Amino acid sequence: MKRLYTAIFFTLVSCSLCANEEIKERAITPEIAVAEVVPHLRASTSLQKSAKNPANLTFREQSEKEGKKRGYFYFQMNAAKSFTGLATGSSVYPGLGIGYRVGGQSGTVDILFSGLGVQEGRGGRYQWNAPKISYFAPLKEYLSGVYLGPSLAWGGMAIKNEQGRQSFIGLIGGGTLGWNFFQDKNSLAFLECNISQPMFASQKDGPNFGPSLSISTGVGF
């Protein structure tokens, strides 16, 4: 009987030692933590992407599926008005532009070359952008086709009237609120409201320019 108790004792000690060794081997180390956590993170990211894009399509494929092109060349018609400087109180002056608009995963990049102006006797008002670069972020949660974004242009403005002469060439900052009221795989039509402000001049004559507001509409293909 004594030998039986001794054998049981040593058996229990051996089992305890084996269990301790296994626990030590399974102790959480940085390597084990990374190996166990990373697959879960990858799976979570994959599920999020799948939820946004169930078919796992590229942006080009998704655009084609939605009946939209990746980029559009477009023609634009503008009407602008300045609010300060020698142009205060003057009438609206028209303009034309040509540009290219290309979409991305989270927004749209727009490149525009435009000119506005009107001749009035010996004077007139003129404004040009060559080029104007804008970034538009969609506001889908408010209204389909609506977008908002900043712009930066290299351009110029000039006014000459009975009050004198005022001119500017340099960087012009601005912002755009627009609406693509029609868009399919072959064409695009939009309406925009733009505000711009001359910022840094390389050449300037006369008083500083204030902001100008323009309304524009465009058709792209």
C-alpha atoms as a PDB file:
ATOM      1  CA  MET A   1       0.000   0.000   0.000  1.00  0.00           C
ATOM      2  CA  LYS A   2       2.861   2.362   0.797  1.00  0.00           C
ATOM      3  CA  ARG A   3       4.331   1.716  -2.654  1.00  0.00           C
ATOM      4  CA  LEU A   4       0.946   2.523  -4.252  1.00  0.00           C
ATOM      5  CA  TYR A   5       0.740   5.870  -2.453  1.00  0.00           C
ATOM      6  CA  THR A   6       4.315   6.640  -3.472  1.00  0.00           C
ATOM      7  CA  ALA A   7       3.556   5.862  -7.130  1.00  0.00           C
ATOM      8  CA  ILE A   8       0.426   8.064  -7.082  1.00  0.00           C
ATOM      9  CA  PHE A   9       2.413  10.932  -5.514  1.00  0.00           C
ATOM     10  CA  PHE A  10       5.149  10.820  -8.162  1.00  0.00           C
ATOM     11  CA  THR A  11       2.523  10.573 -10.911  1.00  0.00           C
ATOM     12  CA  LEU A  12       0.794  13.733  -9.660  1.00  0.00           C
ATOM     13  CA  VAL A  13       4.138  15.585  -9.383  1.00  0.00           C
ATOM     14  CA  SER A  14       5.024  14.580 -12.943  1.00  0.00           C
ATOM     15  CA  CYS A  15       1.645  15.788 -14.281  1.00  0.00           C
ATOM     16  CA  SER A  16       2.069  19.095 -12.429  1.00  0.00           C
ATOM     17  CA  LEU A  17       5.536  19.644 -13.902  1.00  0.00           C
ATOM     18  CA  CYS A  18       4.290  18.868 -17.421  1.00  0.00           C
ATOM     19  CA  ALA A  19       1.408  21.315 -17.003  1.00  0.00           C
ATOM     20  CA  ASN A  20       3.773  24.052 -15.812  1.00  0.00           C
ATOM     21  CA  GLU A  21       6.052  23.516 -18.819  1.00  0.00           C
ATOM     22  CA  GLU A  22       3.086  23.753 -21.206  1.00  0.00           C
ATOM     23  CA  ILE A  23       1.895  26.975 -19.552  1.00  0.00           C
ATOM     24  CA  LYS A  24       5.378  28.483 -19.902  1.00  0.00           C
ATOM     25  CA  GLU A  25       5.497  27.515 -23.577  1.00  0.00           C
ATOM     26  CA  ARG A  26       2.075  29.157 -24.155  1.00  0.00           C
ATOM     27  CA  ALA A  27       2.981  32.358 -22.248  1.00  0.00           C
ATOM     28  CA  ILE A  28       2.001  35.408 -24.275  1.00  0.00           C
ATOM     29  CA  THR A  29       5.059  36.962 -25.889  1.00  0.00           C
ATOM     30  CA  PRO A  30       5.119  39.886 -28.355  1.00  0.00           C
ATOM     31  CA  GLU A  31       5.634  37.428 -31.193  1.00  0.00           C
ATOM     32  CA  ILE A  32       2.592  35.357 -30.181  1.00  0.00           C
ATOM     33  CA  ALA A  33       0.480  38.478 -29.675  1.00  0.00           C
ATOM     34  CA  VAL A  34       1.315  39.779 -33.166  1.00  0.00           C
ATOM     35  CA  ALA A  35       0.747  36.369 -34.729  1.00  0.00           C
ATOM     36  CA  GLU A  36      -2.678  36.074 -33.109  1.00  0.00           C
ATOM     37  CA  VAL A  37      -3.893  39.700 -33.518  1.00  0.00           C
ATOM     38  CA  VAL A  38      -2.801  40.459 -37.120  1.00  0.00           C
ATOM     39  CA  PRO A  39      -5.047  37.829 -38.764  1.00  0.00           C
ATOM     40  CA  HIS A  40      -8.048  39.254 -36.877  1.00  0.00           C
ATOM     41  CA  LEU A  41      -7.198  42.784 -38.036  1.00  0.00           C
ATOM     42  CA  ARG A  42      -6.845  41.614 -41.626  1.00  0.00           C
ATOM     43  CA  ALA A  43     -10.173  39.836 -41.446  1.00  0.00           C
ATOM     44  CA  SER A  44     -11.857  42.951 -39.997  1.00  0.00           C
ATOM     45  CA  THR A  45     -10.387  45.204 -42.728  1.00  0.00           C
ATOM     46  CA  SER A  46     -11.458  42.749 -45.397  1.00  0.00           C
ATOM     47  CA  LEU A  47     -15.023  42.727 -44.045  1.00  0.00           C
ATOM     48  CA  GLN A  48     -15.150  46.539 -44.063  1.00  0.00           C
ATOM     49  CA  LYS A  49     -13.948  46.692 -47.661  1.00  0.00           C
ATOM     50  CA  SER A  50     -16.423  44.027 -48.678  1.00  0.00           C
ATOM     51  CA  ALA A  51     -19.246  45.976 -47.059  1.00  0.00           C
ATOM     52  CA  LYS A  52     -18.359  49.096 -49.068  1.00  0.00           C
ATOM     53  CA  ASN A  53     -17.674  47.200 -52.263  1.00  0.00           C
ATOM     54  CA  PRO A  54     -19.369  43.771 -52.109  1.00  0.00           C
ATOM     55  CA  ALA A  55     -18.092  42.718 -55.536  1.00  0.00           C
ATOM     56  CA  ASN A  56     -14.530  43.825 -54.654  1.00  0.00           C
ATOM     57  CA  LEU A  57     -14.304  45.942 -57.824  1.00  0.00           C
ATOM     58  CA  THR A  58     -11.636  48.488 -58.749  1.00  0.00           C
ATOM     59  CA  PHE A  59     -12.729  52.132 -58.977  1.00  0.00           C
ATOM     60  CA  ARG A  60     -12.790  51.952 -62.793  1.00  0.00           C
ATOM     61  CA  GLU A  61     -14.938  48.790 -62.710  1.00  0.00           C
ATOM     62  CA  GLN A  62     -17.241  50.297 -60.081  1.00  0.00           C
ATOM     63  CA  SER A  63     -17.669  53.489 -62.155  1.00  0.00           C
ATOM     64  CA  GLU A  64     -18.468  51.465 -65.256  1.00  0.00           C
ATOM     65  CA  LYS A  65     -20.977  49.399 -63.299  1.00  0.00           C
ATOM     66  CA  GLU A  66     -22.680  52.587 -62.083  1.00  0.00           C
ATOM     67  CA  GLY A  67     -22.754  53.913 -65.635  1.00  0.00           C
ATOM     68  CA  LYS A  68     -20.108  56.601 -65.104  1.00  0.00           C
ATOM     69  CA  LYS A  69     -16.814  57.413 -66.802  1.00  0.00           C
ATOM     70  CA  ARG A  70     -13.587  57.925 -64.892  1.00  0.00           C
ATOM     71  CA  GLY A  71     -12.909  61.315 -66.510  1.00  0.00           C
ATOM     72  CA  TYR A  72     -14.667  63.967 -68.614  1.00  0.00           C
ATOM     73  CA  PHE A  73     -13.468  66.791 -70.850  1.00  0.00           C
ATOM     74  CA  TYR A  74     -15.906  69.656 -70.460  1.00  0.00           C
ATOM     75  CA  PHE A  75     -16.839  73.155 -71.631  1.00  0.00           C
ATOM     76  CA  GLN A  76     -17.945  75.750 -69.109  1.00  0.00           C
ATOM     77  CA  MET A  77     -19.866  79.043 -69.269  1.00  0.00           C
ATOM     78  CA  ASN A  78     -19.379  81.547 -66.437  1.00  0.00           C
ATOM     79  CA  ALA A  79     -20.859  84.760 -65.115  1.00  0.00           C
ATOM     80  CA  ALA A  80     -18.847  86.603 -62.454  1.00  0.00           C
ATOM     81  CA  LYS A  81     -19.065  89.685 -60.280  1.00  0.00           C
ATOM     82  CA  SER A  82     -16.440  91.401 -58.105  1.00  0.00           C
ATOM     83  CA  PHE A  83     -17.493  93.007 -54.842  1.00  0.00           C
ATOM     84  CA  THR A  84     -14.609  95.287 -53.830  1.00  0.00           C
ATOM     85  CA  GLY A  85     -11.973  97.437 -55.429  1.00  0.00           C
ATOM     86  CA  LEU A  86     -12.637  99.447 -58.621  1.00  0.00           C
ATOM     87  CA  ALA A  87     -15.206  96.815 -59.670  1.00  0.00           C
ATOM     88  CA  THR A  88     -17.594  97.627 -56.825  1.00  0.00           C
ATOM     89  CA  GLY A  89     -21.062  98.183 -58.184  1.00  0.00           C
ATOM     90  CA  SER A  90     -20.118  97.072 -61.698  1.00  0.00           C
ATOM     91  CA  SER A  91     -22.191  94.677 -63.744  1.00  0.00           C
ATOM     92  CA  VAL A  92     -21.723  90.933 -64.158  1.00  0.00           C
ATOM     93  CA  TYR A  93     -19.162  89.882 -66.774  1.00  0.00           C
ATOM     94  CA  PRO A  94     -19.287  86.607 -68.762  1.00  0.00           C
ATOM     95  CA  GLY A  95     -16.658  83.993 -69.550  1.00  0.00           C
ATOM     96  CA  LEU A  96     -15.807  80.605 -71.011  1.00  0.00           C
ATOM     97  CA  GLY A  97     -13.619  77.715 -69.891  1.00  0.00           C
ATOM     98  CA  ILE A  98     -12.386  74.287 -70.880  1.00  0.00           C
ATOM     99  CA  GLY A  99     -11.312  71.626 -68.407  1.00  0.00           C
ATOM    100  CA  TYR A 100     -10.855  68.018 -67.463  1.00  0.00           C
ATOM    101  CA  ARG A 101     -12.409  66.297 -64.442  1.00  0.00           C
ATOM    102  CA  VAL A 102     -11.191  62.894 -63.213  1.00  0.00           C
ATOM    103  CA  GLY A 103     -12.656  60.872 -60.338  1.00  0.00           C
ATOM    104  CA  GLY A 104     -10.875  59.000 -57.555  1.00  0.00           C
ATOM    105  CA  GLN A 105     -11.817  56.769 -54.627  1.00  0.00           C
ATOM    106  CA  SER A 106     -12.763  59.632 -52.317  1.00  0.00           C
ATOM    107  CA  GLY A 107     -13.193  62.642 -54.610  1.00  0.00           C
ATOM    108  CA  THR A 108     -12.578  64.371 -57.928  1.00  0.00           C
ATOM    109  CA  VAL A 109      -9.672  66.421 -59.280  1.00  0.00           C
ATOM    110  CA  ASP A 110     -10.588  69.217 -61.697  1.00  0.00           C
ATOM    111  CA  ILE A 111      -8.241  71.173 -64.001  1.00  0.00           C
ATOM    112  CA  LEU A 112      -9.701  74.280 -65.658  1.00  0.00           C
ATOM    113  CA  PHE A 113      -8.453  76.941 -68.066  1.00  0.00           C
ATOM    114  CA  SER A 114     -10.851  79.886 -68.218  1.00  0.00           C
ATOM    115  CA  GLY A 115     -11.206  83.506 -69.168  1.00  0.00           C
ATOM    116  CA  LEU A 116     -13.832  86.113 -68.307  1.00  0.00           C
ATOM    117  CA  GLY A 117     -14.197  89.690 -69.401  1.00  0.00           C
ATOM    118  CA  VAL A 118     -16.169  92.532 -70.876  1.00  0.00           C
ATOM    119  CA  GLN A 119     -15.102  95.617 -72.842  1.00  0.00           C
ATOM    120  CA  GLU A 120     -16.647  98.935 -71.806  1.00  0.00           C
ATOM    121  CA  GLY A 121     -15.582 101.890 -73.928  1.00  0.00           C
ATOM    122  CA  ARG A 122     -11.916 102.492 -73.217  1.00  0.00           C
ATOM    123  CA  GLY A 123     -11.972 100.268 -70.157  1.00  0.00           C
ATOM    124  CA  GLY A 124     -13.128  96.859 -69.128  1.00  0.00           C
ATOM    125  CA  ARG A 125     -12.846  93.987 -66.674  1.00  0.00           C
ATOM    126  CA  TYR A 126     -10.947  90.754 -67.227  1.00  0.00           C
ATOM    127  CA  GLN A 127     -10.118  87.613 -65.300  1.00  0.00           C
ATOM    128  CA  TRP A 128      -8.261  84.433 -66.326  1.00  0.00           C
ATOM    129  CA  ASN A 129      -7.045  81.167 -64.776  1.00  0.00           C
ATOM    130  CA  ALA A 130      -4.314  79.039 -66.367  1.00  0.00           C
ATOM    131  CA  PRO A 131      -4.765  76.621 -64.756  1.00  0.00           C
ATOM    132  CA  LYS A 132      -7.185  76.378 -61.870  1.00  0.00           C
ATOM    133  CA  ILE A 133      -6.890  73.113 -59.902  1.00  0.00           C
ATOM    134  CA  SER A 134      -9.714  71.996 -57.626  1.00  0.00           C
ATOM    135  CA  TYR A 135     -10.468  69.011 -55.443  1.00  0.00           C
ATOM    136  CA  PHE A 136     -14.122  68.073 -54.978  1.00  0.00           C
ATOM    137  CA  ALA A 137     -15.394  65.801 -52.198  1.00  0.00           C
ATOM    138  CA  PRO A 138     -18.853  64.283 -52.708  1.00  0.00           C
ATOM    139  CA  LEU A 139     -21.614  65.069 -50.215  1.00  0.00           C
ATOM    140  CA  LYS A 140     -23.716  61.986 -50.910  1.00  0.00           C
ATOM    141  CA  GLU A 141     -25.321  61.975 -47.471  1.00  0.00           C
ATOM    142  CA  TYR A 142     -27.048  65.289 -48.273  1.00  0.00           C
ATOM    143  CA  LEU A 143     -27.927  65.081 -51.976  1.00  0.00           C
ATOM    144  CA  SER A 144     -26.739  62.822 -54.750  1.00  0.00           C
ATOM    145  CA  GLY A 145     -24.342  64.599 -57.110  1.00  0.00           C
ATOM    146  CA  VAL A 146     -23.500  67.485 -54.742  1.00  0.00           C
ATOM    147  CA  TYR A 147     -19.816  68.241 -54.130  1.00  0.00           C
ATOM    148  CA  LEU A 148     -17.701  70.777 -52.254  1.00  0.00           C
ATOM    149  CA  GLY A 149     -14.004  71.616 -52.341  1.00  0.00           C
ATOM    150  CA  PRO A 150     -11.131  74.121 -52.399  1.00  0.00           C
ATOM    151  CA  SER A 151      -9.262  75.443 -55.423  1.00  0.00           C
ATOM    152  CA  LEU A 152      -5.955  77.109 -56.235  1.00  0.00           C
ATOM    153  CA  ALA A 153      -5.237  78.902 -59.502  1.00  0.00           C
ATOM    154  CA  TRP A 154      -2.484  80.764 -61.252  1.00  0.00           C
ATOM    155  CA  GLY A 155      -4.283  83.642 -62.860  1.00  0.00           C
ATOM    156  CA  GLY A 156      -4.862  87.321 -63.254  1.00  0.00           C
ATOM    157  CA  MET A 157      -7.452  90.050 -62.909  1.00  0.00           C
ATOM    158  CA  ALA A 158      -7.561  93.533 -64.412  1.00  0.00           C
ATOM    159  CA  ILE A 159      -9.983  96.449 -64.241  1.00  0.00           C
ATOM    160  CA  LYS A 160      -9.772  99.783 -66.005  1.00  0.00           C
ATOM    161  CA  ASN A 161     -12.413 102.502 -65.705  1.00  0.00           C
ATOM    162  CA  GLU A 162     -12.816 106.183 -64.898  1.00  0.00           C
ATOM    163  CA  GLN A 163     -11.629 105.517 -61.340  1.00  0.00           C
ATOM    164  CA  GLY A 164      -8.254 104.244 -62.480  1.00  0.00           C
ATOM    165  CA  ARG A 165      -6.494 100.948 -63.193  1.00  0.00           C
ATOM    166  CA  GLN A 166      -6.233  97.841 -61.030  1.00  0.00           C
ATOM    167  CA  SER A 167      -4.452  94.598 -61.946  1.00  0.00           C
ATOM    168  CA  PHE A 168      -3.194  91.411 -60.348  1.00  0.00           C
ATOM    169  CA  ILE A 169      -1.227  88.326 -61.483  1.00  0.00           C
ATOM    170  CA  GLY A 170      -0.461  85.545 -59.021  1.00  0.00           C
ATOM    171  CA  LEU A 171      -2.052  82.823 -56.913  1.00  0.00           C
ATOM    172  CA  ILE A 172      -5.818  82.899 -56.470  1.00  0.00           C
ATOM    173  CA  GLY A 173      -7.512  80.775 -53.820  1.00  0.00           C
ATOM    174  CA  GLY A 174     -11.136  79.797 -53.797  1.00  0.00           C
ATOM    175  CA  GLY A 175     -13.868  77.303 -53.104  1.00  0.00           C
ATOM    176  CA  THR A 176     -16.622  75.558 -55.070  1.00  0.00           C
ATOM    177  CA  LEU A 177     -20.064  74.202 -54.285  1.00  0.00           C
ATOM    178  CA  GLY A 178     -21.467  72.233 -57.204  1.00  0.00           C
ATOM    179  CA  TRP A 179     -24.062  69.767 -58.372  1.00  0.00           C
ATOM    180  CA  ASN A 180     -23.798  67.119 -61.076  1.00  0.00           C
ATOM    181  CA  PHE A 181     -27.459  67.183 -62.077  1.00  0.00           C
ATOM    182  CA  PHE A 182     -26.827  64.700 -64.905  1.00  0.00           C
ATOM    183  CA  GLN A 183     -24.114  62.069 -65.241  1.00  0.00           C
ATOM    184  CA  ASP A 184     -23.869  58.809 -67.167  1.00  0.00           C
ATOM    185  CA  LYS A 185     -21.205  56.800 -68.980  1.00  0.00           C
ATOM    186  CA  ASN A 186     -20.978  59.240 -71.900  1.00  0.00           C
ATOM    187  CA  SER A 187     -21.744  62.725 -70.593  1.00  0.00           C
ATOM    188  CA  LEU A 188     -21.843  65.067 -67.609  1.00  0.00           C
ATOM    189  CA  ALA A 189     -23.747  68.252 -66.824  1.00  0.00           C
ATOM    190  CA  PHE A 190     -23.160  70.387 -63.743  1.00  0.00           C
ATOM    191  CA  LEU A 191     -23.939  73.681 -62.049  1.00  0.00           C
ATOM    192  CA  GLU A 192     -21.460  75.456 -59.756  1.00  0.00           C
ATOM    193  CA  CYS A 193     -21.078  78.422 -57.464  1.00  0.00           C
ATOM    194  CA  ASN A 194     -17.466  79.603 -57.080  1.00  0.00           C
ATOM    195  CA  ILE A 195     -15.861  82.189 -54.843  1.00  0.00           C
ATOM    196  CA  SER A 196     -12.264  83.336 -55.395  1.00  0.00           C
ATOM    197  CA  GLN A 197      -9.823  85.679 -53.700  1.00  0.00           C
ATOM    198  CA  PRO A 198      -6.443  86.896 -55.045  1.00  0.00           C
ATOM    199  CA  MET A 199      -3.817  85.883 -52.479  1.00  0.00           C
ATOM    200  CA  PHE A 200      -0.131  86.157 -53.446  1.00  0.00           C
ATOM    201  CA  ALA A 201       0.840  88.562 -56.239  1.00  0.00           C
ATOM    202  CA  SER A 202       3.794  88.305 -58.576  1.00  0.00           C
ATOM    203  CA  GLN A 203       2.633  91.519 -60.272  1.00  0.00           C
ATOM    204  CA  LYS A 204       0.179  94.070 -58.914  1.00  0.00           C
ATOM    205  CA  ASP A 205      -0.990  97.533 -59.873  1.00  0.00           C
ATOM    206  CA  GLY A 206      -3.412  99.644 -57.860  1.00  0.00           C
ATOM    207  CA  PRO A 207      -5.418  98.661 -54.785  1.00  0.00           C
ATOM    208  CA  ASN A 208      -5.924  95.100 -53.627  1.00  0.00           C
ATOM    209  CA  PHE A 209      -8.668  93.000 -55.149  1.00  0.00           C
ATOM    210  CA  GLY A 210     -11.487  91.688 -53.023  1.00  0.00           C
ATOM    211  CA  PRO A 211     -13.444  88.463 -53.527  1.00  0.00           C
ATOM    212  CA  SER A 212     -15.416  87.653 -56.644  1.00  0.00           C
ATOM    213  CA  LEU A 213     -18.396  85.337 -57.046  1.00  0.00           C
ATOM    214  CA  SER A 214     -19.226  83.367 -60.181  1.00  0.00           C
ATOM    215  CA  ILE A 215     -21.996  81.062 -61.298  1.00  0.00           C
ATOM    216  CA  SER A 216     -21.093  78.506 -63.952  1.00  0.00           C
ATOM    217  CA  THR A 217     -22.606  75.627 -65.848  1.00  0.00           C
ATOM    218  CA  GLY A 218     -20.785  73.015 -67.884  1.00  0.00           C
ATOM    219  CA  VAL A 219     -21.219  70.022 -70.156  1.00  0.00           C
ATOM    220  CA  GLY A 220     -18.652  67.217 -70.385  1.00  0.00           C
ATOM    221  CA  PHE A 221     -18.033  64.188 -72.609  1.00  0.00           C
END
